[in-house]
PDB file of N, CA and C in Angstrom:
ATOM      1  N   UNK A   1      34.809  54.639 136.433  1.00  0.00           N
ATOM      2  CA  UNK A   1      35.775  55.611 137.013  1.00  0.00           C
ATOM      3  C   UNK A   1      35.504  55.737 138.481  1.00  0.00           C
ATOM      4  N   UNK A   2      36.512  55.602 139.266  1.00  0.00           N
ATOM      5  CA  UNK A   2      36.338  55.632 140.705  1.00  0.00           C
ATOM      6  C   UNK A   2      36.170  57.093 141.187  1.00  0.00           C
ATOM      7  N   UNK A   3      35.540  57.197 142.289  1.00  0.00           N
ATOM      8  CA  UNK A   3      35.309  58.559 142.852  1.00  0.00           C
ATOM      9  C   UNK A   3      36.605  59.160 143.391  1.00  0.00           C
ATOM     10  N   UNK A   4      37.544  58.287 143.788  1.00  0.00           N
ATOM     11  CA  UNK A   4      38.813  58.802 144.284  1.00  0.00           C
ATOM     12  C   UNK A   4      39.586  59.483 143.153  1.00  0.00           C
ATOM     13  N   UNK A   5      39.469  58.949 141.934  1.00  0.00           N
ATOM     14  CA  UNK A   5      40.121  59.564 140.789  1.00  0.00           C
ATOM     15  C   UNK A   5      39.553  60.962 140.546  1.00  0.00           C
ATOM     16  N   UNK A   6      38.257  61.112 140.705  1.00  0.00           N
ATOM     17  CA  UNK A   6      37.653  62.422 140.538  1.00  0.00           C
ATOM     18  C   UNK A   6      38.167  63.409 141.578  1.00  0.00           C
ATOM     19  N   UNK A   7      38.309  62.975 142.796  1.00  0.00           N
ATOM     20  CA  UNK A   7      38.850  63.855 143.832  1.00  0.00           C
ATOM     21  C   UNK A   7      40.300  64.234 143.571  1.00  0.00           C
ATOM     22  N   UNK A   8      41.092  63.274 143.087  1.00  0.00           N
ATOM     23  CA  UNK A   8      42.461  63.543 142.768  1.00  0.00           C
ATOM     24  C   UNK A   8      42.549  64.551 141.648  1.00  0.00           C
ATOM     25  N   UNK A   9      41.677  64.399 140.637  1.00  0.00           N
ATOM     26  CA  UNK A   9      41.678  65.325 139.506  1.00  0.00           C
ATOM     27  C   UNK A   9      41.297  66.718 139.982  1.00  0.00           C
ATOM     28  N   UNK A  10      40.304  66.819 140.824  1.00  0.00           N
ATOM     29  CA  UNK A  10      39.863  68.133 141.349  1.00  0.00           C
ATOM     30  C   UNK A  10      40.945  68.797 142.176  1.00  0.00           C
ATOM     31  N   UNK A  11      41.681  68.003 142.973  1.00  0.00           N
ATOM     32  CA  UNK A  11      42.761  68.525 143.779  1.00  0.00           C
ATOM     33  C   UNK A  11      43.899  68.998 142.874  1.00  0.00           C
ATOM     34  N   UNK A  12      44.187  68.305 141.781  1.00  0.00           N
ATOM     35  CA  UNK A  12      45.243  68.746 140.849  1.00  0.00           C
ATOM     36  C   UNK A  12      44.873  70.064 140.210  1.00  0.00           C
ATOM     37  N   UNK A  13      43.641  70.154 139.772  1.00  0.00           N
ATOM     38  CA  UNK A  13      43.157  71.382 139.143  1.00  0.00           C
ATOM     39  C   UNK A  13      43.265  72.551 140.100  1.00  0.00           C
ATOM     40  N   UNK A  14      42.805  72.375 141.333  1.00  0.00           N
ATOM     41  CA  UNK A  14      42.891  73.450 142.325  1.00  0.00           C
ATOM     42  C   UNK A  14      44.336  73.760 142.652  1.00  0.00           C
ATOM     43  N   UNK A  15      45.231  72.825 142.674  1.00  0.00           N
ATOM     44  CA  UNK A  15      46.648  73.098 142.945  1.00  0.00           C
ATOM     45  C   UNK A  15      47.248  73.911 141.818  1.00  0.00           C
ATOM     46  N   UNK A  16      46.948  73.572 140.579  1.00  0.00           N
ATOM     47  CA  UNK A  16      47.425  74.367 139.462  1.00  0.00           C
ATOM     48  C   UNK A  16      46.920  75.798 139.476  1.00  0.00           C
ATOM     49  N   UNK A  17      45.626  75.941 139.820  1.00  0.00           N
ATOM     50  CA  UNK A  17      44.978  77.217 139.902  1.00  0.00           C
ATOM     51  C   UNK A  17      45.683  78.073 141.053  1.00  0.00           C
ATOM     52  N   UNK A  18      45.920  77.431 142.183  1.00  0.00           N
ATOM     53  CA  UNK A  18      46.548  78.142 143.307  1.00  0.00           C
ATOM     54  C   UNK A  18      47.960  78.582 142.948  1.00  0.00           C
ATOM     55  N   UNK A  19      48.729  77.718 142.291  1.00  0.00           N
ATOM     56  CA  UNK A  19      50.090  78.098 141.867  1.00  0.00           C
ATOM     57  C   UNK A  19      50.093  79.224 140.855  1.00  0.00           C
ATOM     58  N   UNK A  20      49.096  79.229 139.984  1.00  0.00           N
ATOM     59  CA  UNK A  20      49.006  80.319 138.979  1.00  0.00           C
ATOM     60  C   UNK A  20      48.676  81.603 139.684  1.00  0.00           C
ATOM     61  N   UNK A  21      47.773  81.584 140.634  1.00  0.00           N
ATOM     62  CA  UNK A  21      47.465  82.815 141.393  1.00  0.00           C
ATOM     63  C   UNK A  21      48.667  83.282 142.215  1.00  0.00           C
ATOM     64  N   UNK A  22      49.415  82.357 142.756  1.00  0.00           N
ATOM     65  CA  UNK A  22      50.611  82.742 143.533  1.00  0.00           C
ATOM     66  C   UNK A  22      51.658  83.411 142.624  1.00  0.00           C
ATOM     67  N   UNK A  23      51.844  82.852 141.447  1.00  0.00           N
ATOM     68  CA  UNK A  23      52.761  83.465 140.485  1.00  0.00           C
ATOM     69  C   UNK A  23      52.331  84.851 140.066  1.00  0.00           C
ATOM     70  N   UNK A  24      51.035  85.030 139.804  1.00  0.00           N
ATOM     71  CA  UNK A  24      50.555  86.389 139.426  1.00  0.00           C
ATOM     72  C   UNK A  24      50.707  87.353 140.590  1.00  0.00           C
ATOM     73  N   UNK A  25      50.420  86.899 141.798  1.00  0.00           N
ATOM     74  CA  UNK A  25      50.539  87.808 142.967  1.00  0.00           C
ATOM     75  C   UNK A  25      52.003  88.151 143.215  1.00  0.00           C
ATOM     76  N   UNK A  26      52.884  87.243 142.924  1.00  0.00           N
ATOM     77  CA  UNK A  26      54.321  87.566 143.169  1.00  0.00           C
ATOM     78  C   UNK A  26      54.881  88.514 142.114  1.00  0.00           C
ATOM     79  N   UNK A  27      54.316  88.474 140.897  1.00  0.00           N
ATOM     80  CA  UNK A  27      54.843  89.326 139.834  1.00  0.00           C
ATOM     81  C   UNK A  27      54.081  90.635 139.710  1.00  0.00           C
ATOM     82  N   UNK A  28      52.977  90.791 140.361  1.00  0.00           N
ATOM     83  CA  UNK A  28      52.187  92.017 140.246  1.00  0.00           C
ATOM     84  C   UNK A  28      52.899  93.277 140.659  1.00  0.00           C
ATOM     85  N   UNK A  29      53.637  93.282 141.780  1.00  0.00           N
ATOM     86  CA  UNK A  29      54.315  94.542 142.168  1.00  0.00           C
ATOM     87  C   UNK A  29      55.311  95.002 141.124  1.00  0.00           C
ATOM     88  N   UNK A  30      56.009  94.093 140.530  1.00  0.00           N
ATOM     89  CA  UNK A  30      56.950  94.494 139.455  1.00  0.00           C
ATOM     90  C   UNK A  30      56.229  94.996 138.190  1.00  0.00           C
ATOM     91  N   UNK A  31      55.081  94.455 137.932  1.00  0.00           N
ATOM     92  CA  UNK A  31      54.340  94.820 136.704  1.00  0.00           C
ATOM     93  C   UNK A  31      53.734  96.229 136.845  1.00  0.00           C
ATOM     94  N   UNK A  32      53.411  96.623 138.055  1.00  0.00           N
ATOM     95  CA  UNK A  32      52.748  97.903 138.227  1.00  0.00           C
ATOM     96  C   UNK A  32      53.677  98.929 138.837  1.00  0.00           C
ATOM     97  N   UNK A  33      54.966  98.738 138.782  1.00  0.00           N
ATOM     98  CA  UNK A  33      55.947  99.689 139.275  1.00  0.00           C
ATOM     99  C   UNK A  33      55.958 100.945 138.407  1.00  0.00           C
ATOM    100  N   UNK A  34      56.141 102.099 138.983  1.00  0.00           N
ATOM    101  CA  UNK A  34      56.177 103.360 138.217  1.00  0.00           C
ATOM    102  C   UNK A  34      57.569 103.598 137.699  1.00  0.00           C
ATOM    103  N   UNK A  35      57.711 104.043 136.461  1.00  0.00           N
ATOM    104  CA  UNK A  35      58.958 104.376 135.915  1.00  0.00           C
ATOM    105  C   UNK A  35      58.989 105.876 135.657  1.00  0.00           C
ATOM    106  N   UNK A  36      60.120 106.539 135.909  1.00  0.00           N
ATOM    107  CA  UNK A  36      60.272 107.942 135.702  1.00  0.00           C
ATOM    108  C   UNK A  36      61.132 108.168 134.489  1.00  0.00           C
ATOM    109  N   UNK A  37      60.782 109.062 133.661  1.00  0.00           N
ATOM    110  CA  UNK A  37      61.597 109.435 132.472  1.00  0.00           C
ATOM    111  C   UNK A  37      62.744 110.277 132.931  1.00  0.00           C
ATOM    112  N   UNK A  38      63.877 110.185 132.186  1.00  0.00           N
ATOM    113  CA  UNK A  38      65.046 110.918 132.525  1.00  0.00           C
ATOM    114  C   UNK A  38      64.803 112.406 132.134  1.00  0.00           C
ATOM    115  N   UNK A  39      64.947 113.309 133.086  1.00  0.00           N
ATOM    116  CA  UNK A  39      64.710 114.725 132.845  1.00  0.00           C
ATOM    117  C   UNK A  39      66.011 115.451 132.561  1.00  0.00           C
ATOM    118  N   UNK A  40      67.111 114.771 132.559  1.00  0.00           N
ATOM    119  CA  UNK A  40      68.381 115.405 132.318  1.00  0.00           C
ATOM    120  C   UNK A  40      68.975 116.020 133.598  1.00  0.00           C
ATOM    121  N   UNK A  41      68.363 115.832 134.731  1.00  0.00           N
ATOM    122  CA  UNK A  41      68.841 116.385 135.989  1.00  0.00           C
ATOM    123  C   UNK A  41      69.895 115.491 136.580  1.00  0.00           C
ATOM    124  N   UNK A  42      70.083 115.642 137.861  1.00  0.00           N
ATOM    125  CA  UNK A  42      71.052 114.803 138.533  1.00  0.00           C
ATOM    126  C   UNK A  42      70.566 113.364 138.636  1.00  0.00           C
ATOM    127  N   UNK A  43      71.438 112.382 138.555  1.00  0.00           N
ATOM    128  CA  UNK A  43      71.005 110.988 138.570  1.00  0.00           C
ATOM    129  C   UNK A  43      70.434 110.636 139.955  1.00  0.00           C
ATOM    130  N   UNK A  44      69.432 109.799 139.960  1.00  0.00           N
ATOM    131  CA  UNK A  44      68.824 109.301 141.192  1.00  0.00           C
ATOM    132  C   UNK A  44      67.715 110.209 141.711  1.00  0.00           C
ATOM    133  N   UNK A  45      67.413 111.276 141.110  1.00  0.00           N
ATOM    134  CA  UNK A  45      66.341 112.164 141.565  1.00  0.00           C
ATOM    135  C   UNK A  45      65.227 112.146 140.519  1.00  0.00           C
ATOM    136  N   UNK A  46      64.022 111.836 141.012  1.00  0.00           N
ATOM    137  CA  UNK A  46      62.849 111.805 140.084  1.00  0.00           C
ATOM    138  C   UNK A  46      62.382 113.214 139.841  1.00  0.00           C
ATOM    139  N   UNK A  47      61.950 113.503 138.622  1.00  0.00           N
ATOM    140  CA  UNK A  47      61.441 114.869 138.310  1.00  0.00           C
ATOM    141  C   UNK A  47      60.138 115.107 139.022  1.00  0.00           C
ATOM    142  N   UNK A  48      59.895 116.343 139.350  1.00  0.00           N
ATOM    143  CA  UNK A  48      58.667 116.763 140.038  1.00  0.00           C
ATOM    144  C   UNK A  48      57.634 117.103 138.957  1.00  0.00           C
ATOM    145  N   UNK A  49      56.395 117.096 139.329  1.00  0.00           N
ATOM    146  CA  UNK A  49      55.341 117.536 138.416  1.00  0.00           C
ATOM    147  C   UNK A  49      54.751 116.391 137.626  1.00  0.00           C
ATOM    148  N   UNK A  50      55.225 115.138 137.799  1.00  0.00           N
ATOM    149  CA  UNK A  50      54.616 114.035 137.054  1.00  0.00           C
ATOM    150  C   UNK A  50      53.329 113.593 137.723  1.00  0.00           C
ATOM    151  N   UNK A  51      53.254 113.727 139.016  1.00  0.00           N
ATOM    152  CA  UNK A  51      52.068 113.259 139.730  1.00  0.00           C
ATOM    153  C   UNK A  51      51.758 114.303 140.777  1.00  0.00           C
ATOM    154  N   UNK A  52      50.482 114.598 141.083  1.00  0.00           N
ATOM    155  CA  UNK A  52      50.173 115.660 142.045  1.00  0.00           C
ATOM    156  C   UNK A  52      50.695 115.430 143.435  1.00  0.00           C
ATOM    157  N   UNK A  53      50.924 114.170 143.822  1.00  0.00           N
ATOM    158  CA  UNK A  53      51.392 113.946 145.178  1.00  0.00           C
ATOM    159  C   UNK A  53      52.892 114.133 145.304  1.00  0.00           C
ATOM    160  N   UNK A  54      53.646 114.260 144.189  1.00  0.00           N
ATOM    161  CA  UNK A  54      55.106 114.497 144.262  1.00  0.00           C
ATOM    162  C   UNK A  54      55.390 115.966 144.291  1.00  0.00           C
ATOM    163  N   UNK A  55      55.374 116.519 145.522  1.00  0.00           N
ATOM    164  CA  UNK A  55      55.694 117.954 145.594  1.00  0.00           C
ATOM    165  C   UNK A  55      57.162 118.249 145.842  1.00  0.00           C
ATOM    166  N   UNK A  56      57.899 117.223 146.122  1.00  0.00           N
ATOM    167  CA  UNK A  56      59.369 117.377 146.339  1.00  0.00           C
ATOM    168  C   UNK A  56      60.097 116.265 145.584  1.00  0.00           C
ATOM    169  N   UNK A  57      61.359 116.438 145.259  1.00  0.00           N
ATOM    170  CA  UNK A  57      62.055 115.373 144.554  1.00  0.00           C
ATOM    171  C   UNK A  57      62.196 114.106 145.370  1.00  0.00           C
ATOM    172  N   UNK A  58      62.061 112.986 144.696  1.00  0.00           N
ATOM    173  CA  UNK A  58      62.198 111.685 145.358  1.00  0.00           C
ATOM    174  C   UNK A  58      63.567 111.131 144.982  1.00  0.00           C
ATOM    175  N   UNK A  59      64.331 110.750 146.001  1.00  0.00           N
ATOM    176  CA  UNK A  59      65.646 110.193 145.754  1.00  0.00           C
ATOM    177  C   UNK A  59      65.526 108.670 145.645  1.00  0.00           C
ATOM    178  N   UNK A  60      66.051 108.126 144.546  1.00  0.00           N
ATOM    179  CA  UNK A  60      66.037 106.652 144.376  1.00  0.00           C
ATOM    180  C   UNK A  60      67.386 106.076 144.719  1.00  0.00           C
ATOM    181  N   UNK A  61      67.398 105.126 145.612  1.00  0.00           N
ATOM    182  CA  UNK A  61      68.638 104.489 146.065  1.00  0.00           C
ATOM    183  C   UNK A  61      68.817 103.167 145.335  1.00  0.00           C
ATOM    184  N   UNK A  62      70.023 102.865 144.974  1.00  0.00           N
ATOM    185  CA  UNK A  62      70.344 101.593 144.344  1.00  0.00           C
ATOM    186  C   UNK A  62      70.427 100.508 145.397  1.00  0.00           C
ATOM    187  N   UNK A  63      69.652  99.450 145.249  1.00  0.00           N
ATOM    188  CA  UNK A  63      69.654  98.373 146.213  1.00  0.00           C
ATOM    189  C   UNK A  63      70.724  97.347 145.877  1.00  0.00           C
ATOM    190  N   UNK A  64      70.773  96.961 144.636  1.00  0.00           N
ATOM    191  CA  UNK A  64      71.696  95.920 144.186  1.00  0.00           C
ATOM    192  C   UNK A  64      72.758  96.572 143.321  1.00  0.00           C
ATOM    193  N   UNK A  65      73.978  96.345 143.687  1.00  0.00           N
ATOM    194  CA  UNK A  65      75.070  96.931 142.886  1.00  0.00           C
ATOM    195  C   UNK A  65      75.775  95.930 142.028  1.00  0.00           C
ATOM    196  N   UNK A  66      75.535  94.679 142.276  1.00  0.00           N
ATOM    197  CA  UNK A  66      76.205  93.632 141.469  1.00  0.00           C
ATOM    198  C   UNK A  66      75.258  92.499 141.159  1.00  0.00           C
ATOM    199  N   UNK A  67      75.712  91.565 140.353  1.00  0.00           N
ATOM    200  CA  UNK A  67      74.872  90.414 140.022  1.00  0.00           C
ATOM    201  C   UNK A  67      75.451  89.150 140.574  1.00  0.00           C
ATOM    202  N   UNK A  68      74.797  88.060 140.246  1.00  0.00           N
ATOM    203  CA  UNK A  68      75.303  86.766 140.666  1.00  0.00           C
ATOM    204  C   UNK A  68      76.299  86.229 139.657  1.00  0.00           C
ATOM    205  N   UNK A  69      77.417  85.678 140.099  1.00  0.00           N
ATOM    206  CA  UNK A  69      78.394  85.134 139.114  1.00  0.00           C
ATOM    207  C   UNK A  69      77.818  83.959 138.338  1.00  0.00           C
ATOM    208  N   UNK A  70      78.323  83.769 137.129  1.00  0.00           N
ATOM    209  CA  UNK A  70      77.774  82.769 136.228  1.00  0.00           C
ATOM    210  C   UNK A  70      77.938  81.339 136.789  1.00  0.00           C
ATOM    211  N   UNK A  71      79.021  81.076 137.504  1.00  0.00           N
ATOM    212  CA  UNK A  71      79.203  79.736 138.036  1.00  0.00           C
ATOM    213  C   UNK A  71      78.135  79.404 139.078  1.00  0.00           C
ATOM    214  N   UNK A  72      77.684  80.393 139.844  1.00  0.00           N
ATOM    215  CA  UNK A  72      76.609  80.121 140.790  1.00  0.00           C
ATOM    216  C   UNK A  72      75.288  79.825 140.097  1.00  0.00           C
ATOM    217  N   UNK A  73      75.032  80.537 139.029  1.00  0.00           N
ATOM    218  CA  UNK A  73      73.830  80.270 138.261  1.00  0.00           C
ATOM    219  C   UNK A  73      73.882  78.847 137.649  1.00  0.00           C
ATOM    220  N   UNK A  74      75.058  78.447 137.184  1.00  0.00           N
ATOM    221  CA  UNK A  74      75.193  77.090 136.635  1.00  0.00           C
ATOM    222  C   UNK A  74      74.954  76.039 137.688  1.00  0.00           C
ATOM    223  N   UNK A  75      75.501  76.238 138.882  1.00  0.00           N
ATOM    224  CA  UNK A  75      75.329  75.269 139.959  1.00  0.00           C
ATOM    225  C   UNK A  75      73.863  75.197 140.367  1.00  0.00           C
ATOM    226  N   UNK A  76      73.208  76.342 140.467  1.00  0.00           N
ATOM    227  CA  UNK A  76      71.762  76.336 140.832  1.00  0.00           C
ATOM    228  C   UNK A  76      70.978  75.611 139.780  1.00  0.00           C
ATOM    229  N   UNK A  77      71.211  75.843 138.473  1.00  0.00           N
ATOM    230  CA  UNK A  77      70.475  75.157 137.432  1.00  0.00           C
ATOM    231  C   UNK A  77      70.718  73.659 137.420  1.00  0.00           C
ATOM    232  N   UNK A  78      71.981  73.239 137.685  1.00  0.00           N
ATOM    233  CA  UNK A  78      72.298  71.819 137.738  1.00  0.00           C
ATOM    234  C   UNK A  78      71.633  71.113 138.904  1.00  0.00           C
ATOM    235  N   UNK A  79      71.636  71.724 140.082  1.00  0.00           N
ATOM    236  CA  UNK A  79      71.026  71.158 141.237  1.00  0.00           C
ATOM    237  C   UNK A  79      69.517  71.058 141.044  1.00  0.00           C
ATOM    238  N   UNK A  80      68.957  72.111 140.488  1.00  0.00           N
ATOM    239  CA  UNK A  80      67.477  72.105 140.253  1.00  0.00           C
ATOM    240  C   UNK A  80      67.097  71.014 139.277  1.00  0.00           C
ATOM    241  N   UNK A  81      67.856  70.830 138.198  1.00  0.00           N
ATOM    242  CA  UNK A  81      67.506  69.807 137.236  1.00  0.00           C
ATOM    243  C   UNK A  81      67.697  68.395 137.852  1.00  0.00           C
ATOM    244  N   UNK A  82      68.741  68.181 138.638  1.00  0.00           N
ATOM    245  CA  UNK A  82      68.882  66.891 139.322  1.00  0.00           C
ATOM    246  C   UNK A  82      67.740  66.620 140.331  1.00  0.00           C
ATOM    247  N   UNK A  83      67.312  67.640 141.013  1.00  0.00           N
ATOM    248  CA  UNK A  83      66.222  67.522 141.936  1.00  0.00           C
ATOM    249  C   UNK A  83      64.920  67.127 141.255  1.00  0.00           C
ATOM    250  N   UNK A  84      64.646  67.800 140.130  1.00  0.00           N
ATOM    251  CA  UNK A  84      63.419  67.510 139.369  1.00  0.00           C
ATOM    252  C   UNK A  84      63.488  66.117 138.780  1.00  0.00           C
ATOM    253  N   UNK A  85      64.637  65.676 138.294  1.00  0.00           N
ATOM    254  CA  UNK A  85      64.772  64.339 137.753  1.00  0.00           C
ATOM    255  C   UNK A  85      64.580  63.287 138.837  1.00  0.00           C
ATOM    256  N   UNK A  86      65.127  63.521 140.020  1.00  0.00           N
ATOM    257  CA  UNK A  86      64.973  62.614 141.139  1.00  0.00           C
ATOM    258  C   UNK A  86      63.501  62.503 141.546  1.00  0.00           C
ATOM    259  N   UNK A  87      62.807  63.619 141.603  1.00  0.00           N
ATOM    260  CA  UNK A  87      61.409  63.614 141.997  1.00  0.00           C
ATOM    261  C   UNK A  87      60.587  62.850 140.943  1.00  0.00           C
ATOM    262  N   UNK A  88      60.921  63.059 139.670  1.00  0.00           N
ATOM    263  CA  UNK A  88      60.189  62.378 138.581  1.00  0.00           C
ATOM    264  C   UNK A  88      60.393  60.832 138.677  1.00  0.00           C
ATOM    265  N   UNK A  89      61.588  60.400 138.968  1.00  0.00           N
ATOM    266  CA  UNK A  89      61.851  58.964 139.083  1.00  0.00           C
ATOM    267  C   UNK A  89      61.114  58.384 140.309  1.00  0.00           C
ATOM    268  N   UNK A  90      61.122  59.079 141.410  1.00  0.00           N
ATOM    269  CA  UNK A  90      60.430  58.598 142.616  1.00  0.00           C
ATOM    270  C   UNK A  90      58.932  58.552 142.355  1.00  0.00           C
ATOM    271  N   UNK A  91      58.355  59.548 141.716  1.00  0.00           N
ATOM    272  CA  UNK A  91      56.934  59.522 141.427  1.00  0.00           C
ATOM    273  C   UNK A  91      56.583  58.387 140.483  1.00  0.00           C
ATOM    274  N   UNK A  92      57.418  58.178 139.485  1.00  0.00           N
ATOM    275  CA  UNK A  92      57.125  57.068 138.563  1.00  0.00           C
ATOM    276  C   UNK A  92      57.170  55.718 139.275  1.00  0.00           C
ATOM    277  N   UNK A  93      58.159  55.527 140.118  1.00  0.00           N
ATOM    278  CA  UNK A  93      58.250  54.254 140.807  1.00  0.00           C
ATOM    279  C   UNK A  93      57.063  54.038 141.775  1.00  0.00           C
ATOM    280  N   UNK A  94      56.615  55.100 142.418  1.00  0.00           N
ATOM    281  CA  UNK A  94      55.448  54.986 143.310  1.00  0.00           C
ATOM    282  C   UNK A  94      54.222  54.638 142.490  1.00  0.00           C
ATOM    283  N   UNK A  95      54.055  55.248 141.334  1.00  0.00           N
ATOM    284  CA  UNK A  95      52.862  54.957 140.513  1.00  0.00           C
ATOM    285  C   UNK A  95      52.891  53.509 140.013  1.00  0.00           C
ATOM    286  N   UNK A  96      54.107  53.030 139.616  1.00  0.00           N
ATOM    287  CA  UNK A  96      54.233  51.637 139.173  1.00  0.00           C
ATOM    288  C   UNK A  96      53.936  50.683 140.310  1.00  0.00           C
ATOM    289  N   UNK A  97      54.424  51.002 141.488  1.00  0.00           N
ATOM    290  CA  UNK A  97      54.227  50.122 142.688  1.00  0.00           C
ATOM    291  C   UNK A  97      52.741  50.008 143.051  1.00  0.00           C
ATOM    292  N   UNK A  98      51.967  51.064 142.839  1.00  0.00           N
ATOM    293  CA  UNK A  98      50.550  51.048 143.167  1.00  0.00           C
ATOM    294  C   UNK A  98      49.652  50.570 142.070  1.00  0.00           C
ATOM    295  N   UNK A  99      50.225  50.299 140.901  1.00  0.00           N
ATOM    296  CA  UNK A  99      49.418  49.826 139.799  1.00  0.00           C
ATOM    297  C   UNK A  99      48.982  48.426 140.064  1.00  0.00           C
ATOM    298  N   UNK A 100      47.760  48.103 139.660  1.00  0.00           N
ATOM    299  CA  UNK A 100      47.249  46.758 139.887  1.00  0.00           C
ATOM    300  C   UNK A 100      47.917  45.818 138.886  1.00  0.00           C
ATOM    301  N   UNK A 101      48.056  44.566 139.277  1.00  0.00           N
ATOM    302  CA  UNK A 101      48.670  43.576 138.421  1.00  0.00           C
ATOM    303  C   UNK A 101      47.824  43.274 137.215  1.00  0.00           C
ATOM    304  N   UNK A 102      48.484  42.880 136.154  1.00  0.00           N
ATOM    305  CA  UNK A 102      47.795  42.525 134.906  1.00  0.00           C
ATOM    306  C   UNK A 102      47.339  41.066 135.035  1.00  0.00           C
ATOM    307  N   UNK A 103      46.057  40.840 134.739  1.00  0.00           N
ATOM    308  CA  UNK A 103      45.481  39.516 134.818  1.00  0.00           C
ATOM    309  C   UNK A 103      45.498  38.904 133.416  1.00  0.00           C
ATOM    310  N   UNK A 104      45.995  37.745 133.292  1.00  0.00           N
ATOM    311  CA  UNK A 104      46.040  37.072 131.967  1.00  0.00           C
ATOM    312  C   UNK A 104      44.662  36.590 131.563  1.00  0.00           C
ATOM    313  N   UNK A 105      44.371  36.777 130.283  1.00  0.00           N
ATOM    314  CA  UNK A 105      43.083  36.344 129.772  1.00  0.00           C
ATOM    315  C   UNK A 105      43.109  34.822 129.595  1.00  0.00           C
ATOM    316  N   UNK A 106      42.072  34.167 130.052  1.00  0.00           N
ATOM    317  CA  UNK A 106      42.044  32.694 129.862  1.00  0.00           C
ATOM    318  C   UNK A 106      40.895  32.265 128.972  1.00  0.00           C
TER     319      UNK A 106
END
C-alpha cells in the first residue's frame, strides 16, 4: 500500500469530519431555539414570567410570510441532481484515466 493512499484516506476522513461539524454548527441555533407556549393573549406577544430576564413582553415579528413555489423547488432539485450526476461522471473518468494499465500474464 502506497503512502500516498494513506494520506488520501486521512484527508477524506478529515473532510467528512469537517463537513459533519459544519452541519452540526449550522443546525445548532435552530435546535436550541426557545419556544413559548400560547397563553391565550394577543398573538405575537410572549408571556412574561417564564424566565427571570423577561420582565416585559417580547414582541415576535414574522420574518417570512410566504413559501417558495413548487415549480422552483422542482427546478432546484433537477439542477442539483444533474450537477451531482455530472460530477460523478467526471470523477469516474478521471479515476479511469489515472488507473494503471493491465499487464497480460505470460
